[in-house]
Amino acid sequence: MTNNYSLEEKNARDHSTNKKSIMQKILNVCTIVLTFSAVLGLIVTLWQFMPITETYTVTFDPNGGNGGIVEQKFVAKNGVGKTQWLYGGTPTRIGYTFVCWNIKSGGSGEDLHNGAEITTNGDFTLYAVWMPIIVKYTVIFDPNGGIGGNGSQVFIGAPTDSEEKVVLGVFNGGTPTRSGYTFQYWNLERDGSGARKYFNGETLTITADCTVYAIWKK
């Protein structure tokens, strides 16, 4: 038997079918969105409970000195640095006192001291900052039976990297006088038996306080 539909019935049937198709598409889209949200939520949850840990290295450069700590490891989780105490040890350098660490080798950057709390998200190098130890020595001039001359001379300066207590200076004890004698030079021994003769105007390396004696020729 053949079903005969009127035009109105056919249009109503087609309209109903289209509505069902649209609803199905909407349901499919909602299912996709909900599924994506669930997956995203799972990823976030896993990210929180299974963090990605990264390790960064801070290298300590003694910057002309020796010793100290070579490097220190810092940890970051999920890109967020963990606060840690900085400790590069205490390097040494002849003639200098260690001050702190600096992000610039010339000391023009930020100063960082051992024990400072820092975070880092990358590798970097810190350089030791040094302060020269200013030394002062006094040479006393003994006229050794004569009179006059200079009573003493103070030598002030900074040491070199190779010697801890060294000061360079121009030696000048003046010229004392003594009746019947001619002044010759200065010596570390009163009787002139010292191995070294010191003359006014010469450049000397001074390493300690000392007394020198006028040596006379009759």
Protein backbone atom coordinates (compact mmCIF):
# COMPACT_ATOMS: atom_id res chain seq x y z
CA MET A 1 0.00 0.00 0.00
CA THR A 2 1.39 3.40 -0.90
CA ASN A 3 1.46 6.15 1.77
CA ASN A 4 0.39 9.46 0.42
CA TYR A 5 1.51 12.54 2.34
CA SER A 6 0.24 15.97 1.85
CA LEU A 7 2.73 18.81 1.31
CA GLU A 8 2.04 20.11 4.79
CA GLU A 9 2.78 16.72 6.35
CA LYS A 10 6.03 16.39 4.38
CA ASN A 11 7.22 19.82 5.50
CA ALA A 12 6.37 19.06 9.11
CA ARG A 13 8.31 15.79 8.92
CA ASP A 14 11.35 17.49 7.37
CA HIS A 15 11.25 20.24 9.99
CA SER A 16 11.16 17.66 12.79
CA THR A 17 14.11 15.81 11.25
CA ASN A 18 16.14 19.05 10.99
CA LYS A 19 15.41 19.89 14.61
CA LYS A 20 16.62 16.46 15.69
CA SER A 21 19.79 16.88 13.57
CA ILE A 22 20.54 20.30 15.10
CA MET A 23 19.96 19.00 18.62
CA GLN A 24 22.25 16.06 17.92
CA LYS A 25 24.98 18.42 16.71
CA ILE A 26 24.56 20.56 19.83
CA LEU A 27 24.79 17.46 22.01
CA ASN A 28 27.91 16.37 20.16
CA VAL A 29 29.54 19.78 20.67
CA CYS A 30 28.64 19.77 24.37
CA THR A 31 30.10 16.29 24.72
CA ILE A 32 33.34 17.46 23.10
CA VAL A 33 33.53 20.54 25.35
CA LEU A 34 32.85 18.53 28.49
CA THR A 35 35.39 15.92 27.49
CA PHE A 36 38.03 18.59 26.80
CA SER A 37 37.30 20.25 30.15
CA ALA A 38 37.69 16.95 31.96
CA VAL A 39 40.99 16.24 30.22
CA LEU A 40 42.23 19.76 30.98
CA GLY A 41 41.23 19.38 34.61
CA LEU A 42 43.08 16.08 34.77
CA ILE A 43 46.21 17.72 33.29
CA VAL A 44 46.05 20.56 35.82
CA THR A 45 45.60 18.08 38.65
CA LEU A 46 48.55 16.01 37.48
CA TRP A 47 50.64 19.20 37.08
CA GLN A 48 49.89 20.15 40.67
CA PHE A 49 50.58 16.75 42.17
CA MET A 50 53.42 15.78 39.84
CA PRO A 51 55.46 19.04 39.53
CA ILE A 52 58.26 19.44 37.01
CA THR A 53 61.53 20.04 38.90
CA GLU A 54 64.43 21.92 37.32
CA THR A 55 67.91 22.48 38.74
CA TYR A 56 69.98 25.61 38.16
CA THR A 57 73.63 26.26 38.97
CA VAL A 58 75.18 29.34 40.55
CA THR A 59 78.94 29.35 39.90
CA PHE A 60 81.28 31.22 42.26
CA ASP A 61 84.30 32.86 40.63
CA PRO A 62 87.03 33.75 43.20
CA ASN A 63 88.02 36.62 40.88
CA GLY A 64 91.75 36.52 41.52
CA GLY A 65 91.54 34.65 44.80
CA ASN A 66 91.50 30.99 45.76
CA GLY A 67 89.20 28.59 47.55
CA GLY A 68 85.56 29.00 48.45
CA ILE A 69 82.71 26.94 47.00
CA VAL A 70 82.82 26.15 43.29
CA GLU A 71 79.06 26.06 42.67
CA GLN A 72 75.67 25.79 44.35
CA LYS A 73 72.52 24.09 43.04
CA PHE A 74 69.13 25.84 43.15
CA VAL A 75 65.76 24.18 42.53
CA ALA A 76 62.68 25.46 40.68
CA LYS A 77 59.33 23.64 40.47
CA ASN A 78 57.03 24.31 37.54
CA GLY A 79 59.06 27.38 36.65
CA VAL A 80 58.86 28.85 40.17
CA GLY A 81 62.23 29.20 41.93
CA LYS A 82 62.57 27.89 45.46
CA THR A 83 64.04 30.33 47.98
CA GLN A 84 67.41 29.12 49.26
CA TRP A 85 70.31 30.50 51.24
CA LEU A 86 73.25 31.60 49.16
CA TYR A 87 76.61 30.22 50.25
CA GLY A 88 79.78 30.48 48.21
CA GLY A 89 82.19 29.97 51.08
CA THR A 90 84.99 32.41 51.88
CA PRO A 91 87.75 32.54 49.28
CA THR A 92 91.14 34.02 50.14
CA ARG A 93 93.52 36.35 48.35
CA ILE A 94 96.90 37.53 49.54
CA GLY A 95 96.72 41.15 50.67
CA TYR A 96 92.95 41.42 50.37
CA THR A 97 89.83 40.90 52.48
CA PHE A 98 86.82 39.10 51.00
CA VAL A 99 83.75 41.37 51.07
CA CYS A 100 80.86 39.67 49.25
CA TRP A 101 79.72 38.33 45.88
CA ASN A 102 78.63 40.41 42.90
CA ILE A 103 76.96 39.66 39.60
CA LYS A 104 79.63 41.74 37.80
CA SER A 105 83.32 40.85 37.81
CA GLY A 106 84.24 44.50 38.41
CA GLY A 107 81.88 44.78 41.40
CA SER A 108 79.50 47.25 39.70
CA GLY A 109 76.43 45.01 39.96
CA GLU A 110 74.27 43.85 42.84
CA ASP A 111 76.11 42.72 45.97
CA LEU A 112 75.09 39.38 47.46
CA HIS A 113 76.37 38.14 50.81
CA ASN A 114 76.63 34.58 52.06
CA GLY A 115 73.37 33.73 53.81
CA ALA A 116 71.20 35.90 51.56
CA GLU A 117 67.88 34.35 50.57
CA ILE A 118 67.55 34.22 46.79
CA THR A 119 65.57 32.47 44.08
CA THR A 120 66.71 31.81 40.54
CA ASN A 121 65.20 30.52 37.33
CA GLY A 122 68.48 30.21 35.47
CA ASP A 123 72.23 29.60 35.68
CA PHE A 124 74.52 32.53 36.46
CA THR A 125 77.96 33.38 37.89
CA LEU A 126 78.87 35.43 40.95
CA TYR A 127 82.27 37.08 41.40
CA ALA A 128 84.19 37.67 44.63
CA VAL A 129 84.57 41.32 45.66
CA TRP A 130 87.87 42.21 47.34
CA MET A 131 89.08 45.07 49.49
CA PRO A 132 92.85 45.68 49.62
CA ILE A 133 94.38 45.53 53.08
CA ILE A 134 96.05 48.87 53.61
CA VAL A 135 99.27 48.39 55.56
CA LYS A 136 101.42 50.91 57.38
CA TYR A 137 105.01 50.53 58.52
CA THR A 138 107.24 52.91 60.42
CA VAL A 139 110.98 53.23 59.96
CA ILE A 140 112.76 54.91 62.88
CA PHE A 141 116.02 56.74 62.15
CA ASP A 142 118.54 56.53 64.97
CA PRO A 143 121.36 59.14 64.56
CA ASN A 144 123.62 56.74 66.44
CA GLY A 145 125.64 59.35 68.35
CA GLY A 146 124.81 62.21 65.99
CA ILE A 147 121.96 64.70 65.91
CA GLY A 148 119.34 65.83 63.42
CA GLY A 149 117.99 63.96 60.45
CA ASN A 150 114.45 62.68 60.31
CA GLY A 151 113.06 61.00 63.39
CA SER A 152 110.93 58.50 61.48
CA GLN A 153 109.17 57.80 58.20
CA VAL A 154 105.78 56.14 57.68
CA PHE A 155 105.22 53.94 54.63
CA ILE A 156 101.58 53.36 53.64
CA GLY A 157 100.26 51.30 50.77
CA ALA A 158 98.35 48.31 49.48
CA PRO A 159 100.02 44.93 49.05
CA THR A 160 100.35 43.05 45.79
CA ASP A 161 98.82 39.68 44.91
CA SER A 162 102.19 37.98 45.38
CA GLU A 163 103.18 39.44 48.75
CA GLU A 164 100.90 39.95 51.71
CA LYS A 165 102.63 42.81 53.52
CA VAL A 166 104.62 44.93 51.14
CA VAL A 167 104.87 48.68 50.79
CA LEU A 168 107.06 50.53 48.32
CA GLY A 169 108.43 53.92 49.29
CA VAL A 170 111.27 56.37 48.76
CA PHE A 171 113.64 56.09 51.71
CA ASN A 172 114.54 59.42 53.32
CA GLY A 173 116.09 59.61 56.77
CA GLY A 174 117.55 63.07 56.26
CA THR A 175 121.19 63.89 56.96
CA PRO A 176 122.17 63.85 60.62
CA THR A 177 125.42 65.47 61.79
CA ARG A 178 128.13 64.50 64.24
CA SER A 179 131.17 66.45 65.23
CA GLY A 180 134.32 64.98 63.67
CA TYR A 181 132.39 62.46 61.55
CA THR A 182 130.88 62.25 58.09
CA PHE A 183 127.51 60.62 57.61
CA GLN A 184 127.74 57.59 55.26
CA TYR A 185 124.42 55.68 55.07
CA TRP A 186 121.85 53.83 57.21
CA ASN A 187 122.08 50.24 58.42
CA LEU A 188 119.89 47.80 60.35
CA GLU A 189 122.77 47.17 62.76
CA ARG A 190 124.22 49.88 65.00
CA ASP A 191 127.80 48.92 64.12
CA GLY A 192 127.05 48.81 60.38
CA SER A 193 127.47 45.04 60.17
CA GLY A 194 124.11 44.52 58.49
CA ALA A 195 124.25 43.08 54.99
CA ARG A 196 122.20 45.90 53.46
CA LYS A 197 123.19 49.57 53.19
CA TYR A 198 120.30 52.05 52.91
CA PHE A 199 120.78 55.36 51.14
CA ASN A 200 118.48 58.36 51.09
CA GLY A 201 116.43 58.61 47.88
CA GLU A 202 116.31 54.94 46.98
CA THR A 203 113.02 53.09 46.52
CA LEU A 204 112.59 50.35 49.07
CA THR A 205 110.26 47.46 49.71
CA ILE A 206 109.16 47.70 53.34
CA THR A 207 107.76 44.59 55.01
CA ALA A 208 107.81 45.48 58.71
CA ASP A 209 108.47 48.21 61.25
CA CYS A 210 112.19 48.66 61.82
CA THR A 211 114.94 50.92 63.12
CA VAL A 212 117.94 51.94 61.06
CA TYR A 213 121.14 53.49 62.40
CA ALA A 214 123.32 56.23 61.00
CA ILE A 215 126.78 54.95 60.04
CA TRP A 216 129.66 57.37 60.43
CA LYS A 217 133.14 57.78 59.02
CA LYS A 218 135.59 59.55 61.28
